[in-house]
C-alpha atoms as a PDB file:
ATOM      1  CA  MET A   1     -15.489 -21.100 -50.912  1.00  0.00           C
ATOM      2  CA  ALA A   2     -15.049 -23.205 -47.766  1.00  0.00           C
ATOM      3  CA  LYS A   3     -11.408 -23.874 -48.725  1.00  0.00           C
ATOM      4  CA  GLU A   4     -10.727 -20.137 -49.211  1.00  0.00           C
ATOM      5  CA  LYS A   5     -12.308 -19.353 -45.848  1.00  0.00           C
ATOM      6  CA  LYS A   6     -10.089 -21.953 -44.134  1.00  0.00           C
ATOM      7  CA  GLN A   7      -6.930 -20.485 -45.700  1.00  0.00           C
ATOM      8  CA  GLU A   8      -8.001 -16.999 -44.625  1.00  0.00           C
ATOM      9  CA  GLU A   9      -8.443 -18.167 -41.009  1.00  0.00           C
ATOM     10  CA  LYS A  10      -4.978 -19.755 -41.027  1.00  0.00           C
ATOM     11  CA  LYS A  11      -3.363 -16.473 -42.128  1.00  0.00           C
ATOM     12  CA  LYS A  12      -4.991 -14.600 -39.284  1.00  0.00           C
ATOM     13  CA  GLY A  13      -3.299 -16.794 -36.666  1.00  0.00           C
ATOM     14  CA  PRO A  14      -4.939 -18.057 -33.478  1.00  0.00           C
ATOM     15  CA  ALA A  15      -8.357 -16.770 -32.592  1.00  0.00           C
ATOM     16  CA  VAL A  16      -8.565 -14.771 -29.391  1.00  0.00           C
ATOM     17  CA  ARG A  17     -10.141 -16.889 -26.683  1.00  0.00           C
ATOM     18  CA  ASP A  18     -13.570 -15.717 -25.653  1.00  0.00           C
ATOM     19  CA  THR A  19     -15.422 -17.929 -23.230  1.00  0.00           C
ATOM     20  CA  GLY A  20     -18.327 -15.501 -23.176  1.00  0.00           C
ATOM     21  CA  SER A  21     -18.239 -15.327 -19.401  1.00  0.00           C
ATOM     22  CA  TYR A  22     -16.641 -12.966 -16.906  1.00  0.00           C
ATOM     23  CA  PRO A  23     -13.274 -14.400 -15.759  1.00  0.00           C
ATOM     24  CA  ARG A  24     -13.417 -16.197 -12.416  1.00  0.00           C
ATOM     25  CA  LEU A  25     -10.361 -14.367 -11.047  1.00  0.00           C
ATOM     26  CA  ALA A  26     -11.736 -10.966 -12.073  1.00  0.00           C
ATOM     27  CA  THR A  27     -14.807 -11.704  -9.960  1.00  0.00           C
ATOM     28  CA  LYS A  28     -12.634 -13.018  -7.125  1.00  0.00           C
ATOM     29  CA  TYR A  29     -10.637  -9.771  -7.137  1.00  0.00           C
ATOM     30  CA  LYS A  30     -13.748  -7.619  -6.682  1.00  0.00           C
ATOM     31  CA  THR A  31     -15.639  -9.790  -4.214  1.00  0.00           C
ATOM     32  CA  ASP A  32     -12.858 -11.335  -2.111  1.00  0.00           C
ATOM     33  CA  ILE A  33      -9.434  -9.774  -2.675  1.00  0.00           C
ATOM     34  CA  VAL A  34     -10.362  -6.084  -2.408  1.00  0.00           C
ATOM     35  CA  PRO A  35     -12.124  -6.494   0.986  1.00  0.00           C
ATOM     36  CA  ALA A  36      -9.404  -8.817   2.346  1.00  0.00           C
ATOM     37  CA  MET A  37      -6.504  -6.546   1.388  1.00  0.00           C
ATOM     38  CA  THR A  38      -8.335  -3.403   2.525  1.00  0.00           C
ATOM     39  CA  LYS A  39      -8.657  -4.957   5.961  1.00  0.00           C
ATOM     40  CA  GLN A  40      -5.103  -6.355   6.057  1.00  0.00           C
ATOM     41  CA  PHE A  41      -3.320  -3.165   4.981  1.00  0.00           C
ATOM     42  CA  ASN A  42      -5.808  -0.629   6.394  1.00  0.00           C
ATOM     43  CA  TYR A  43      -6.404   1.098   3.067  1.00  0.00           C
ATOM     44  CA  LYS A  44      -8.600   4.180   3.304  1.00  0.00           C
ATOM     45  CA  ASN A  45     -10.529   3.361   0.123  1.00  0.00           C
ATOM     46  CA  VAL A  46     -10.735   0.647  -2.538  1.00  0.00           C
ATOM     47  CA  MET A  47      -8.697   2.713  -5.000  1.00  0.00           C
ATOM     48  CA  GLN A  48      -5.625   2.066  -2.846  1.00  0.00           C
ATOM     49  CA  VAL A  49      -5.925  -1.698  -3.212  1.00  0.00           C
ATOM     50  CA  PRO A  50      -3.231  -2.967  -5.630  1.00  0.00           C
ATOM     51  CA  LYS A  51      -4.376  -4.295  -8.991  1.00  0.00           C
ATOM     52  CA  LEU A  52      -2.847  -6.738 -11.426  1.00  0.00           C
ATOM     53  CA  GLU A  53      -2.251  -4.402 -14.358  1.00  0.00           C
ATOM     54  CA  LYS A  54      -0.847  -6.744 -16.995  1.00  0.00           C
ATOM     55  CA  ILE A  55       1.060  -9.973 -17.560  1.00  0.00           C
ATOM     56  CA  SER A  56       3.974 -10.028 -20.005  1.00  0.00           C
ATOM     57  CA  VAL A  57       5.245 -13.290 -21.460  1.00  0.00           C
ATOM     58  CA  ASN A  58       8.651 -13.437 -23.169  1.00  0.00           C
ATOM     59  CA  ILE A  59      10.330 -16.328 -24.905  1.00  0.00           C
ATOM     60  CA  GLY A  60      13.867 -16.382 -26.275  1.00  0.00           C
ATOM     61  CA  VAL A  61      15.099 -18.842 -28.897  1.00  0.00           C
ATOM     62  CA  GLY A  62      18.867 -18.482 -29.140  1.00  0.00           C
ATOM     63  CA  GLN A  63      19.182 -21.310 -31.669  1.00  0.00           C
ATOM     64  CA  ALA A  64      16.997 -19.350 -34.084  1.00  0.00           C
ATOM     65  CA  THR A  65      20.242 -17.757 -35.303  1.00  0.00           C
ATOM     66  CA  GLN A  66      21.045 -21.110 -36.919  1.00  0.00           C
ATOM     67  CA  ASP A  67      17.547 -22.410 -37.635  1.00  0.00           C
ATOM     68  CA  ALA A  68      14.740 -19.883 -38.161  1.00  0.00           C
ATOM     69  CA  LYS A  69      12.121 -22.661 -38.098  1.00  0.00           C
ATOM     70  CA  LEU A  70      12.723 -23.130 -34.373  1.00  0.00           C
ATOM     71  CA  LEU A  71      11.456 -19.592 -33.792  1.00  0.00           C
ATOM     72  CA  ASP A  72       8.385 -20.199 -35.964  1.00  0.00           C
ATOM     73  CA  VAL A  73       7.492 -23.234 -33.848  1.00  0.00           C
ATOM     74  CA  ALA A  74       8.092 -21.348 -30.573  1.00  0.00           C
ATOM     75  CA  ILE A  75       5.866 -18.485 -31.751  1.00  0.00           C
ATOM     76  CA  ALA A  76       3.078 -20.884 -32.739  1.00  0.00           C
ATOM     77  CA  GLU A  77       3.283 -22.590 -29.339  1.00  0.00           C
ATOM     78  CA  LEU A  78       3.239 -19.292 -27.440  1.00  0.00           C
ATOM     79  CA  GLU A  79       0.192 -18.143 -29.410  1.00  0.00           C
ATOM     80  CA  LEU A  80      -1.574 -21.376 -28.500  1.00  0.00           C
ATOM     81  CA  ILE A  81      -0.731 -20.868 -24.821  1.00  0.00           C
ATOM     82  CA  VAL A  82      -1.839 -17.228 -24.534  1.00  0.00           C
ATOM     83  CA  GLY A  83      -4.639 -17.296 -27.112  1.00  0.00           C
ATOM     84  CA  GLN A  84      -3.620 -14.221 -29.082  1.00  0.00           C
ATOM     85  CA  LYS A  85      -1.044 -12.988 -31.589  1.00  0.00           C
ATOM     86  CA  VAL A  86       2.455 -12.321 -30.272  1.00  0.00           C
ATOM     87  CA  ALA A  87       5.177  -9.901 -31.385  1.00  0.00           C
ATOM     88  CA  VAL A  88       8.585 -11.024 -32.635  1.00  0.00           C
ATOM     89  CA  THR A  89      11.579  -9.688 -30.688  1.00  0.00           C
ATOM     90  CA  LYS A  90      14.798  -8.813 -32.506  1.00  0.00           C
ATOM     91  CA  ALA A  91      18.428  -8.487 -31.444  1.00  0.00           C
ATOM     92  CA  LYS A  92      19.271  -4.891 -30.516  1.00  0.00           C
ATOM     93  CA  LYS A  93      22.957  -5.302 -31.291  1.00  0.00           C
ATOM     94  CA  ALA A  94      25.279  -7.701 -33.065  1.00  0.00           C
ATOM     95  CA  ILE A  95      27.361 -10.236 -31.111  1.00  0.00           C
ATOM     96  CA  SER A  96      29.841 -11.932 -33.448  1.00  0.00           C
ATOM     97  CA  ASN A  97      30.766 -14.721 -30.998  1.00  0.00           C
ATOM     98  CA  PHE A  98      27.156 -15.929 -31.064  1.00  0.00           C
ATOM     99  CA  LYS A  99      26.656 -15.262 -34.788  1.00  0.00           C
ATOM    100  CA  LEU A 100      24.043 -12.715 -33.784  1.00  0.00           C
ATOM    101  CA  ARG A 101      23.249  -9.924 -36.231  1.00  0.00           C
ATOM    102  CA  GLN A 102      21.480  -6.718 -35.249  1.00  0.00           C
ATOM    103  CA  GLY A 103      17.789  -6.956 -36.116  1.00  0.00           C
ATOM    104  CA  LEU A 104      17.766 -10.754 -36.233  1.00  0.00           C
ATOM    105  CA  ALA A 105      14.552 -12.331 -34.878  1.00  0.00           C
ATOM    106  CA  ILE A 106      15.439 -14.177 -31.665  1.00  0.00           C
ATOM    107  CA  GLY A 107      12.231 -14.493 -29.667  1.00  0.00           C
ATOM    108  CA  ALA A 108       8.655 -13.405 -29.069  1.00  0.00           C
ATOM    109  CA  ARG A 109       6.683 -11.471 -26.493  1.00  0.00           C
ATOM    110  CA  VAL A 110       3.083 -10.688 -25.650  1.00  0.00           C
ATOM    111  CA  THR A 111       1.282  -8.497 -23.127  1.00  0.00           C
ATOM    112  CA  LEU A 112      -2.012  -9.685 -21.683  1.00  0.00           C
ATOM    113  CA  ARG A 113      -4.556  -7.360 -20.090  1.00  0.00           C
ATOM    114  CA  SER A 114      -8.097  -7.492 -18.728  1.00  0.00           C
ATOM    115  CA  LYS A 115     -10.017 -10.667 -19.588  1.00  0.00           C
ATOM    116  CA  MET A 116      -7.150 -12.415 -21.411  1.00  0.00           C
ATOM    117  CA  MET A 117      -4.847 -11.694 -18.475  1.00  0.00           C
ATOM    118  CA  TYR A 118      -7.202 -13.189 -15.888  1.00  0.00           C
ATOM    119  CA  GLU A 119      -7.929 -16.263 -18.000  1.00  0.00           C
ATOM    120  CA  PHE A 120      -4.212 -16.909 -18.575  1.00  0.00           C
ATOM    121  CA  LEU A 121      -3.467 -16.496 -14.858  1.00  0.00           C
ATOM    122  CA  ASP A 122      -6.246 -18.947 -13.983  1.00  0.00           C
ATOM    123  CA  ARG A 123      -4.892 -21.592 -16.366  1.00  0.00           C
ATOM    124  CA  LEU A 124      -1.333 -20.986 -15.160  1.00  0.00           C
ATOM    125  CA  ILE A 125      -2.270 -21.522 -11.502  1.00  0.00           C
ATOM    126  CA  SER A 126      -4.876 -24.267 -11.889  1.00  0.00           C
ATOM    127  CA  LEU A 127      -3.540 -26.326 -14.783  1.00  0.00           C
ATOM    128  CA  ALA A 128       0.081 -25.509 -15.654  1.00  0.00           C
ATOM    129  CA  MET A 129       1.888 -25.094 -12.312  1.00  0.00           C
ATOM    130  CA  PRO A 130       0.707 -28.469 -10.942  1.00  0.00           C
ATOM    131  CA  GLN A 131       2.458 -30.090 -13.940  1.00  0.00           C
ATOM    132  CA  ILE A 132       5.895 -28.787 -12.865  1.00  0.00           C
ATOM    133  CA  ARG A 133       8.041 -31.665 -11.625  1.00  0.00           C
ATOM    134  CA  ASP A 134       8.413 -31.833  -7.830  1.00  0.00           C
ATOM    135  CA  PHE A 135       6.487 -28.568  -7.528  1.00  0.00           C
ATOM    136  CA  ARG A 136       6.346 -27.114  -4.025  1.00  0.00           C
ATOM    137  CA  GLY A 137       5.586 -23.502  -4.859  1.00  0.00           C
ATOM    138  CA  ILE A 138       7.414 -20.620  -6.497  1.00  0.00           C
ATOM    139  CA  SER A 139      10.200 -18.516  -5.009  1.00  0.00           C
ATOM    140  CA  ASP A 140       9.443 -15.137  -3.444  1.00  0.00           C
ATOM    141  CA  ARG A 141      12.889 -13.819  -4.438  1.00  0.00           C
ATOM    142  CA  SER A 142      11.986 -12.554  -7.901  1.00  0.00           C
ATOM    143  CA  PHE A 143      10.267  -9.272  -7.034  1.00  0.00           C
ATOM    144  CA  ASP A 144      11.879  -6.154  -8.490  1.00  0.00           C
ATOM    145  CA  GLY A 145      11.400  -3.788  -5.542  1.00  0.00           C
ATOM    146  CA  ARG A 146       8.562  -1.980  -7.344  1.00  0.00           C
ATOM    147  CA  GLY A 147       5.767  -4.505  -6.862  1.00  0.00           C
ATOM    148  CA  ASN A 148       6.390  -6.577  -9.986  1.00  0.00           C
ATOM    149  CA  TYR A 149       7.280 -10.273 -10.116  1.00  0.00           C
ATOM    150  CA  THR A 150       8.979 -12.383 -12.797  1.00  0.00           C
ATOM    151  CA  LEU A 151       8.479 -16.129 -12.938  1.00  0.00           C
ATOM    152  CA  GLY A 152      10.762 -18.343 -15.006  1.00  0.00           C
ATOM    153  CA  ILE A 153       9.139 -21.371 -16.627  1.00  0.00           C
ATOM    154  CA  LYS A 154      11.571 -24.024 -17.875  1.00  0.00           C
ATOM    155  CA  GLU A 155       9.264 -26.068 -20.098  1.00  0.00           C
ATOM    156  CA  GLN A 156       6.348 -25.025 -22.290  1.00  0.00           C
ATOM    157  CA  ILE A 157       4.903 -28.542 -22.040  1.00  0.00           C
ATOM    158  CA  ILE A 158       3.357 -27.782 -18.631  1.00  0.00           C
ATOM    159  CA  PHE A 159       0.612 -25.840 -20.424  1.00  0.00           C
ATOM    160  CA  PRO A 160      -2.467 -27.877 -21.430  1.00  0.00           C
ATOM    161  CA  GLU A 161      -2.531 -26.252 -24.878  1.00  0.00           C
ATOM    162  CA  ILE A 162       0.762 -27.962 -25.790  1.00  0.00           C
ATOM    163  CA  ASP A 163       0.811 -31.599 -26.923  1.00  0.00           C
ATOM    164  CA  ALA A 164       4.038 -32.933 -25.388  1.00  0.00           C
ATOM    165  CA  ASP A 165       4.193 -35.785 -27.920  1.00  0.00           C
ATOM    166  CA  ARG A 166       4.505 -33.286 -30.766  1.00  0.00           C
ATOM    167  CA  VAL A 167       7.097 -31.019 -29.173  1.00  0.00           C
ATOM    168  CA  THR A 168      10.466 -31.114 -30.942  1.00  0.00           C
ATOM    169  CA  LYS A 169      12.298 -28.674 -28.670  1.00  0.00           C
ATOM    170  CA  ILE A 170      11.811 -27.658 -25.048  1.00  0.00           C
ATOM    171  CA  ASN A 171      11.522 -23.883 -24.609  1.00  0.00           C
ATOM    172  CA  GLY A 172      11.295 -21.850 -21.439  1.00  0.00           C
ATOM    173  CA  MET A 173       9.739 -18.443 -20.897  1.00  0.00           C
ATOM    174  CA  ASP A 174       9.626 -15.528 -18.484  1.00  0.00           C
ATOM    175  CA  ILE A 175       6.249 -14.425 -17.147  1.00  0.00           C
ATOM    176  CA  THR A 176       6.153 -10.975 -15.531  1.00  0.00           C
ATOM    177  CA  PHE A 177       3.252  -9.877 -13.338  1.00  0.00           C
ATOM    178  CA  VAL A 178       2.991  -6.082 -13.327  1.00  0.00           C
ATOM    179  CA  THR A 179       0.971  -4.697 -10.414  1.00  0.00           C
ATOM    180  CA  THR A 180       0.106  -1.263  -9.064  1.00  0.00           C
ATOM    181  CA  ALA A 181       1.393  -2.263  -5.608  1.00  0.00           C
ATOM    182  CA  LYS A 182       3.791   0.190  -3.958  1.00  0.00           C
ATOM    183  CA  THR A 183       5.779  -2.534  -2.196  1.00  0.00           C
ATOM    184  CA  ASP A 184       6.786  -6.119  -2.890  1.00  0.00           C
ATOM    185  CA  MET A 185       4.978  -7.207   0.260  1.00  0.00           C
ATOM    186  CA  GLU A 186       1.654  -5.885  -1.035  1.00  0.00           C
ATOM    187  CA  ALA A 187       2.314  -7.329  -4.490  1.00  0.00           C
ATOM    188  CA  MET A 188       3.035 -10.757  -3.059  1.00  0.00           C
ATOM    189  CA  GLU A 189      -0.133 -10.689  -0.975  1.00  0.00           C
ATOM    190  CA  LEU A 190      -2.121  -9.724  -4.075  1.00  0.00           C
ATOM    191  CA  LEU A 191      -0.701 -12.653  -6.047  1.00  0.00           C
ATOM    192  CA  LYS A 192      -1.246 -14.995  -3.089  1.00  0.00           C
ATOM    193  CA  GLN A 193      -4.882 -13.921  -2.906  1.00  0.00           C
ATOM    194  CA  PHE A 194      -5.275 -14.850  -6.578  1.00  0.00           C
ATOM    195  CA  GLY A 195      -3.942 -18.298  -5.715  1.00  0.00           C
ATOM    196  CA  VAL A 196      -0.299 -18.019  -6.796  1.00  0.00           C
ATOM    197  CA  PRO A 197       1.487 -20.630  -4.638  1.00  0.00           C
ATOM    198  CA  PHE A 198       4.647 -19.216  -3.049  1.00  0.00           C
ATOM    199  CA  VAL A 199       7.021 -21.392  -1.043  1.00  0.00           C
ATOM    200  CA  LYS A 200       7.128 -20.597   2.655  1.00  0.00           C
ATOM    201  CA  ARG A 201       9.694 -17.824   3.040  1.00  0.00           C
ATOM    202  CA  GLU A 202      12.244 -17.583   5.795  1.00  0.00           C
ATOM    203  CA  GLN A 203      12.641 -13.807   5.769  1.00  0.00           C
ATOM    204  CA  PRO A 204       9.990 -11.216   4.925  1.00  0.00           C
ATOM    205  CA  VAL A 205      10.301  -8.988   1.893  1.00  0.00           C
ATOM    206  CA  ALA A 206      10.230  -5.199   2.308  1.00  0.00           C
ATOM    207  CA  LYS A 207       7.571  -4.070   4.762  1.00  0.00           C
ATOM    208  CA  VAL A 208       4.942  -1.441   4.100  1.00  0.00           C
ATOM    209  CA  SER A 209       6.023   1.877   5.566  1.00  0.00           C
END
C-alpha cells in the first residue's frame, strides 16, 4: 500500500508549497507599500495604488528538438523552483532550418498568483538574486510601457531548489512581473518597494502625467 501511495504521489508532480502562513511580502504590501505609494504619488484612495497582479515564468529549450529528455529535465527543474505544475509550450509554426515542427514541445511556462506569487518573489529577491555572479542590481530598461517588467535569468542554478552538482545543462528563463500600474515609473517604484534591486539609472523612465 505504501509503495502504491508513493507511485501515486510521483504521478501528481510537485506538491504546491504551503507554508501555512501569510506571505511576508503580501503583508508588506498592505502595511508598508500602500501607505508609502499613496503618499508619493498622491493617490486619492488605496484602490489607485498599483498591485502586483501575477508573475509569469517562461523557459525555452531549443535543443529539445533533438533531445526530448532535455525538456523533461527543464520542466522538472522549473516545477521545483516555482512549487507547482507548469504547462508545456509548443512551436506555433514550423521552421525547417532549425528542424522545428509545428506543435513540437519546446519549453514550459507557469503563471503564479496570490500566495504562490508572493512566496516566489520573496525567494527570488532574498535567495536567488544574490547568487548571480557580480550582481549589482537589475536593469530598469525592460519595462514594456504598460507597467510590466521582464527579467531575464541566465542560469537556473541561482535558485536554492536546484542542486548545481546534479545539473546537466544550464537553462535560462524569462520572469515577467505584471502589475496594474498605469506607468513604468509607478511599476518600478512598486517593485522597488517589494525589494527588487534596480541598478541606479541615469535617466528616468516615463513620468506620471
